Amino acid sequence: VKGADISWVTEMESKGMRFSNAQGKETECTALMKELGFDAIRLRVWVDPADGYCNKEDVLAKALRAKKLGMKIMIDFHYSDTWADPSKQARPKAWSSHGIDGLLEAVEGHTTEVLQMLKDNGVDVEWVQIGNEVNDGMLHPYGKISDAGKIPDFVRLFNAGSNAARKVYPSVKVVLH
């Protein structure tokens, strides 16, 4: 597999950025990736991003580009409204009052909703990444694994996303990042 995360492409395009191949011919980014020998893309999905980029509809638009080109697709669930990484695993605003049981339901529901929308639009998903850069867990403080008492909750949250993904795409490969 040769792939890249091009989640930012629609935002860049909206700001007037364009892509060109080595011959200087303007080429849509996903098509350029294919031209360069890439056969896969990764797309991050946020719950309710302020600017709309990387929400489920934006992810669908980018996934349809990749589908048209016969590329494999990885969906990277951040379970946040913005970037999640080892130093920040902020819960989405809509989930901010949820305890662990509410978060489990929200992870399952969001994962199912996004993946079912992709499937309903004919998009095959090869890989699903549950959480992004989860070195210290996700959805803090509930899934924060540096707090040893929270490790079981991290496992439950990860499994909620994984199980939801496999209900929609039974043969999907689940990724821990």
C-alpha atoms as a PDB file:
ATOM      1  CA  VAL A   1       0.000   0.000   0.000  1.00  0.00           C
ATOM      2  CA  LYS A   2       1.210   3.475  -0.837  1.00  0.00           C
ATOM      3  CA  GLY A   3      -0.993   6.190   0.602  1.00  0.00           C
ATOM      4  CA  ALA A   4      -1.278   9.616   2.145  1.00  0.00           C
ATOM      5  CA  ASP A   5      -3.589  11.582   4.397  1.00  0.00           C
ATOM      6  CA  ILE A   6      -5.129  14.256   2.189  1.00  0.00           C
ATOM      7  CA  SER A   7      -7.860  15.325   4.604  1.00  0.00           C
ATOM      8  CA  TRP A   8      -6.927  18.977   4.169  1.00  0.00           C
ATOM      9  CA  VAL A   9      -7.507  19.005   0.385  1.00  0.00           C
ATOM     10  CA  THR A  10     -10.998  20.538   0.293  1.00  0.00           C
ATOM     11  CA  GLU A  11      -9.977  23.281   2.717  1.00  0.00           C
ATOM     12  CA  MET A  12      -6.890  24.051   0.628  1.00  0.00           C
ATOM     13  CA  GLU A  13      -8.957  24.125  -2.563  1.00  0.00           C
ATOM     14  CA  SER A  14     -11.430  26.538  -0.947  1.00  0.00           C
ATOM     15  CA  LYS A  15      -8.502  28.879  -0.273  1.00  0.00           C
ATOM     16  CA  GLY A  16      -7.521  28.823  -3.938  1.00  0.00           C
ATOM     17  CA  MET A  17      -4.694  26.288  -3.774  1.00  0.00           C
ATOM     18  CA  ARG A  18      -4.229  24.123  -6.844  1.00  0.00           C
ATOM     19  CA  PHE A  19      -2.114  21.070  -7.613  1.00  0.00           C
ATOM     20  CA  SER A  20      -0.002  20.357 -10.679  1.00  0.00           C
ATOM     21  CA  ASN A  21       1.854  17.306 -11.912  1.00  0.00           C
ATOM     22  CA  ALA A  22       5.545  17.275 -12.881  1.00  0.00           C
ATOM     23  CA  GLN A  23       4.658  18.557 -16.361  1.00  0.00           C
ATOM     24  CA  GLY A  24       2.894  21.564 -14.848  1.00  0.00           C
ATOM     25  CA  LYS A  25      -0.625  20.348 -15.753  1.00  0.00           C
ATOM     26  CA  GLU A  26      -3.175  21.295 -13.107  1.00  0.00           C
ATOM     27  CA  THR A  27      -4.507  18.074 -11.605  1.00  0.00           C
ATOM     28  CA  GLU A  28      -7.036  17.397  -8.859  1.00  0.00           C
ATOM     29  CA  CYS A  29      -5.131  16.287  -5.740  1.00  0.00           C
ATOM     30  CA  THR A  30      -6.540  12.762  -5.445  1.00  0.00           C
ATOM     31  CA  ALA A  31      -5.905  12.156  -9.143  1.00  0.00           C
ATOM     32  CA  LEU A  32      -2.370  13.491  -8.702  1.00  0.00           C
ATOM     33  CA  MET A  33      -1.810  11.029  -5.861  1.00  0.00           C
ATOM     34  CA  LYS A  34      -2.992   8.219  -8.166  1.00  0.00           C
ATOM     35  CA  GLU A  35      -0.736   9.499 -10.979  1.00  0.00           C
ATOM     36  CA  LEU A  36       2.213   9.395  -8.568  1.00  0.00           C
ATOM     37  CA  GLY A  37       1.540   5.731  -7.777  1.00  0.00           C
ATOM     38  CA  PHE A  38      -0.496   6.076  -4.610  1.00  0.00           C
ATOM     39  CA  ASP A  39      -3.274   3.521  -4.214  1.00  0.00           C
ATOM     40  CA  ALA A  40      -4.779   4.612  -0.879  1.00  0.00           C
ATOM     41  CA  ILE A  41      -5.834   7.700   1.045  1.00  0.00           C
ATOM     42  CA  ARG A  42      -6.551   8.352   4.697  1.00  0.00           C
ATOM     43  CA  LEU A  43      -9.324  10.768   5.645  1.00  0.00           C
ATOM     44  CA  ARG A  44      -9.806  12.128   9.144  1.00  0.00           C
ATOM     45  CA  VAL A  45     -13.318  12.733  10.415  1.00  0.00           C
ATOM     46  CA  TRP A  46     -14.263  15.126  13.177  1.00  0.00           C
ATOM     47  CA  VAL A  47     -17.632  15.253  14.924  1.00  0.00           C
ATOM     48  CA  ASP A  48     -18.616  18.923  14.517  1.00  0.00           C
ATOM     49  CA  PRO A  49     -15.684  21.017  13.253  1.00  0.00           C
ATOM     50  CA  ALA A  50     -16.192  24.792  13.407  1.00  0.00           C
ATOM     51  CA  ASP A  51     -15.378  25.311   9.727  1.00  0.00           C
ATOM     52  CA  GLY A  52     -17.093  22.180   8.401  1.00  0.00           C
ATOM     53  CA  TYR A  53     -13.944  20.610   6.982  1.00  0.00           C
ATOM     54  CA  CYS A  54     -13.488  16.956   7.929  1.00  0.00           C
ATOM     55  CA  ASN A  55     -17.128  16.566   8.938  1.00  0.00           C
ATOM     56  CA  LYS A  56     -18.939  13.533   7.576  1.00  0.00           C
ATOM     57  CA  GLU A  57     -20.196  15.279   4.417  1.00  0.00           C
ATOM     58  CA  ASP A  58     -16.720  16.601   3.593  1.00  0.00           C
ATOM     59  CA  VAL A  59     -15.267  13.119   4.174  1.00  0.00           C
ATOM     60  CA  LEU A  60     -17.869  11.660   1.804  1.00  0.00           C
ATOM     61  CA  ALA A  61     -16.951  14.146  -0.944  1.00  0.00           C
ATOM     62  CA  LYS A  62     -13.256  13.210  -0.681  1.00  0.00           C
ATOM     63  CA  ALA A  63     -13.994   9.483  -0.398  1.00  0.00           C
ATOM     64  CA  LEU A  64     -16.062   9.611  -3.587  1.00  0.00           C
ATOM     65  CA  ARG A  65     -13.071  11.096  -5.427  1.00  0.00           C
ATOM     66  CA  ALA A  66     -10.907   8.196  -4.259  1.00  0.00           C
ATOM     67  CA  LYS A  67     -13.595   5.640  -5.083  1.00  0.00           C
ATOM     68  CA  LYS A  68     -13.850   6.976  -8.635  1.00  0.00           C
ATOM     69  CA  LEU A  69     -10.107   6.379  -9.011  1.00  0.00           C
ATOM     70  CA  GLY A  70     -10.231   2.875  -7.514  1.00  0.00           C
ATOM     71  CA  MET A  71      -8.188   3.832  -4.456  1.00  0.00           C
ATOM     72  CA  LYS A  72      -8.380   2.172  -1.035  1.00  0.00           C
ATOM     73  CA  ILE A  73      -9.699   4.282   1.810  1.00  0.00           C
ATOM     74  CA  MET A  74      -8.884   4.585   5.505  1.00  0.00           C
ATOM     75  CA  ILE A  75     -11.220   6.553   7.755  1.00  0.00           C
ATOM     76  CA  ASP A  76      -9.505   8.097  10.787  1.00  0.00           C
ATOM     77  CA  PHE A  77     -11.962   8.844  13.604  1.00  0.00           C
ATOM     78  CA  HIS A  78     -10.614  11.564  15.902  1.00  0.00           C
ATOM     79  CA  TYR A  79     -13.742  11.592  18.129  1.00  0.00           C
ATOM     80  CA  SER A  80     -13.210  15.319  18.562  1.00  0.00           C
ATOM     81  CA  ASP A  81     -14.279  18.559  16.874  1.00  0.00           C
ATOM     82  CA  THR A  82     -10.667  19.248  15.950  1.00  0.00           C
ATOM     83  CA  TRP A  83      -7.264  17.607  15.837  1.00  0.00           C
ATOM     84  CA  ALA A  84      -6.591  14.893  18.423  1.00  0.00           C
ATOM     85  CA  ASP A  85      -3.010  13.938  19.285  1.00  0.00           C
ATOM     86  CA  PRO A  86      -1.077  12.588  22.302  1.00  0.00           C
ATOM     87  CA  SER A  87      -1.222  15.941  24.098  1.00  0.00           C
ATOM     88  CA  LYS A  88      -4.887  16.718  23.389  1.00  0.00           C
ATOM     89  CA  GLN A  89      -7.833  14.382  23.247  1.00  0.00           C
ATOM     90  CA  ALA A  90     -10.679  16.841  23.709  1.00  0.00           C
ATOM     91  CA  ARG A  91     -14.201  15.486  23.636  1.00  0.00           C
ATOM     92  CA  PRO A  92     -16.533  16.979  21.025  1.00  0.00           C
ATOM     93  CA  LYS A  93     -18.579  19.875  22.370  1.00  0.00           C
ATOM     94  CA  ALA A  94     -21.800  17.914  21.833  1.00  0.00           C
ATOM     95  CA  TRP A  95     -20.396  15.125  24.006  1.00  0.00           C
ATOM     96  CA  SER A  96     -18.896  17.342  26.736  1.00  0.00           C
ATOM     97  CA  SER A  97     -21.488  16.472  29.388  1.00  0.00           C
ATOM     98  CA  HIS A  98     -21.394  12.728  28.692  1.00  0.00           C
ATOM     99  CA  GLY A  99     -20.093  10.283  31.249  1.00  0.00           C
ATOM    100  CA  ILE A 100     -18.518   7.024  30.122  1.00  0.00           C
ATOM    101  CA  ASP A 101     -21.835   5.397  29.178  1.00  0.00           C
ATOM    102  CA  GLY A 102     -22.845   8.397  27.075  1.00  0.00           C
ATOM    103  CA  LEU A 103     -19.423   8.438  25.424  1.00  0.00           C
ATOM    104  CA  LEU A 104     -19.698   4.744  24.567  1.00  0.00           C
ATOM    105  CA  GLU A 105     -23.059   5.389  22.898  1.00  0.00           C
ATOM    106  CA  ALA A 106     -21.728   8.472  21.112  1.00  0.00           C
ATOM    107  CA  VAL A 107     -18.642   6.661  19.764  1.00  0.00           C
ATOM    108  CA  GLU A 108     -20.771   3.789  18.510  1.00  0.00           C
ATOM    109  CA  GLY A 109     -23.390   6.108  17.018  1.00  0.00           C
ATOM    110  CA  HIS A 110     -20.942   8.466  15.322  1.00  0.00           C
ATOM    111  CA  THR A 111     -18.852   5.615  13.915  1.00  0.00           C
ATOM    112  CA  THR A 112     -21.956   3.857  12.594  1.00  0.00           C
ATOM    113  CA  GLU A 113     -23.453   7.040  11.141  1.00  0.00           C
ATOM    114  CA  VAL A 114     -20.319   8.053   9.228  1.00  0.00           C
ATOM    115  CA  LEU A 115     -19.524   4.584   7.912  1.00  0.00           C
ATOM    116  CA  GLN A 116     -23.133   3.798   6.982  1.00  0.00           C
ATOM    117  CA  MET A 117     -23.302   7.061   5.015  1.00  0.00           C
ATOM    118  CA  LEU A 118     -20.150   6.054   3.120  1.00  0.00           C
ATOM    119  CA  LYS A 119     -21.475   2.551   2.481  1.00  0.00           C
ATOM    120  CA  ASP A 120     -24.863   3.893   1.351  1.00  0.00           C
ATOM    121  CA  ASN A 121     -22.971   5.983  -1.218  1.00  0.00           C
ATOM    122  CA  GLY A 122     -21.063   2.978  -2.566  1.00  0.00           C
ATOM    123  CA  VAL A 123     -17.773   3.711  -0.811  1.00  0.00           C
ATOM    124  CA  ASP A 124     -15.787   0.695   0.346  1.00  0.00           C
ATOM    125  CA  VAL A 125     -13.616   1.290   3.391  1.00  0.00           C
ATOM    126  CA  GLU A 126     -10.507  -0.852   3.746  1.00  0.00           C
ATOM    127  CA  TRP A 127      -9.359   0.414   7.166  1.00  0.00           C
ATOM    128  CA  VAL A 128     -10.942   2.240  10.087  1.00  0.00           C
ATOM    129  CA  GLN A 129      -8.690   3.982  12.585  1.00  0.00           C
ATOM    130  CA  ILE A 130     -10.316   4.208  16.016  1.00  0.00           C
ATOM    131  CA  GLY A 131      -8.977   7.390  17.573  1.00  0.00           C
ATOM    132  CA  ASN A 132      -5.983   9.413  16.460  1.00  0.00           C
ATOM    133  CA  GLU A 133      -2.577   9.190  18.116  1.00  0.00           C
ATOM    134  CA  VAL A 134      -4.008   7.448  21.156  1.00  0.00           C
ATOM    135  CA  ASN A 135      -0.663   7.113  22.976  1.00  0.00           C
ATOM    136  CA  ASP A 136      -2.452   8.342  26.115  1.00  0.00           C
ATOM    137  CA  GLY A 137      -5.904   7.115  25.192  1.00  0.00           C
ATOM    138  CA  MET A 138      -8.806   9.164  23.864  1.00  0.00           C
ATOM    139  CA  LEU A 139     -11.793  11.178  24.997  1.00  0.00           C
ATOM    140  CA  HIS A 140     -10.069  12.461  28.120  1.00  0.00           C
ATOM    141  CA  PRO A 141     -10.450  12.215  31.010  1.00  0.00           C
ATOM    142  CA  TYR A 142     -12.492   9.015  30.609  1.00  0.00           C
ATOM    143  CA  GLY A 143     -10.162   7.128  28.268  1.00  0.00           C
ATOM    144  CA  LYS A 144      -6.862   8.583  29.554  1.00  0.00           C
ATOM    145  CA  ILE A 145      -4.591   5.554  29.883  1.00  0.00           C
ATOM    146  CA  SER A 146      -1.836   7.311  31.881  1.00  0.00           C
ATOM    147  CA  ASP A 147      -4.449   7.119  34.645  1.00  0.00           C
ATOM    148  CA  ALA A 148      -4.239   3.338  35.179  1.00  0.00           C
ATOM    149  CA  GLY A 149      -7.794   3.261  36.465  1.00  0.00           C
ATOM    150  CA  LYS A 150      -9.019   4.548  33.100  1.00  0.00           C
ATOM    151  CA  ILE A 151      -7.417   1.808  30.955  1.00  0.00           C
ATOM    152  CA  PRO A 152     -10.597  -0.324  31.038  1.00  0.00           C
ATOM    153  CA  ASP A 153     -12.633   2.671  29.833  1.00  0.00           C
ATOM    154  CA  PHE A 154     -10.186   3.258  26.961  1.00  0.00           C
ATOM    155  CA  VAL A 155     -10.590  -0.388  25.963  1.00  0.00           C
ATOM    156  CA  ARG A 156     -14.390  -0.052  26.093  1.00  0.00           C
ATOM    157  CA  LEU A 157     -14.299   3.143  24.001  1.00  0.00           C
ATOM    158  CA  PHE A 158     -11.961   1.574  21.440  1.00  0.00           C
ATOM    159  CA  ASN A 159     -14.140  -1.539  21.257  1.00  0.00           C
ATOM    160  CA  ALA A 160     -17.295   0.572  20.822  1.00  0.00           C
ATOM    161  CA  GLY A 161     -15.770   2.152  17.711  1.00  0.00           C
ATOM    162  CA  SER A 162     -14.296  -1.113  16.462  1.00  0.00           C
ATOM    163  CA  ASN A 163     -17.522  -3.058  16.907  1.00  0.00           C
ATOM    164  CA  ALA A 164     -19.545  -0.340  15.183  1.00  0.00           C
ATOM    165  CA  ALA A 165     -17.124  -0.332  12.247  1.00  0.00           C
ATOM    166  CA  ARG A 166     -17.391  -4.100  11.855  1.00  0.00           C
ATOM    167  CA  LYS A 167     -21.192  -3.973  11.961  1.00  0.00           C
ATOM    168  CA  VAL A 168     -21.158  -1.706   8.911  1.00  0.00           C
ATOM    169  CA  TYR A 169     -18.149  -3.253   7.142  1.00  0.00           C
ATOM    170  CA  PRO A 170     -17.712  -6.808   8.529  1.00  0.00           C
ATOM    171  CA  SER A 171     -14.297  -7.365   6.905  1.00  0.00           C
ATOM    172  CA  VAL A 172     -12.821  -3.918   7.637  1.00  0.00           C
ATOM    173  CA  LYS A 173      -9.344  -3.794   9.148  1.00  0.00           C
ATOM    174  CA  VAL A 174      -9.359  -1.865  12.433  1.00  0.00           C
ATOM    175  CA  VAL A 175      -6.304   0.248  13.181  1.00  0.00           C
ATOM    176  CA  LEU A 176      -4.920   1.330  16.564  1.00  0.00           C
ATOM    177  CA  HIS A 177      -2.800   4.447  16.036  1.00  0.00           C
END
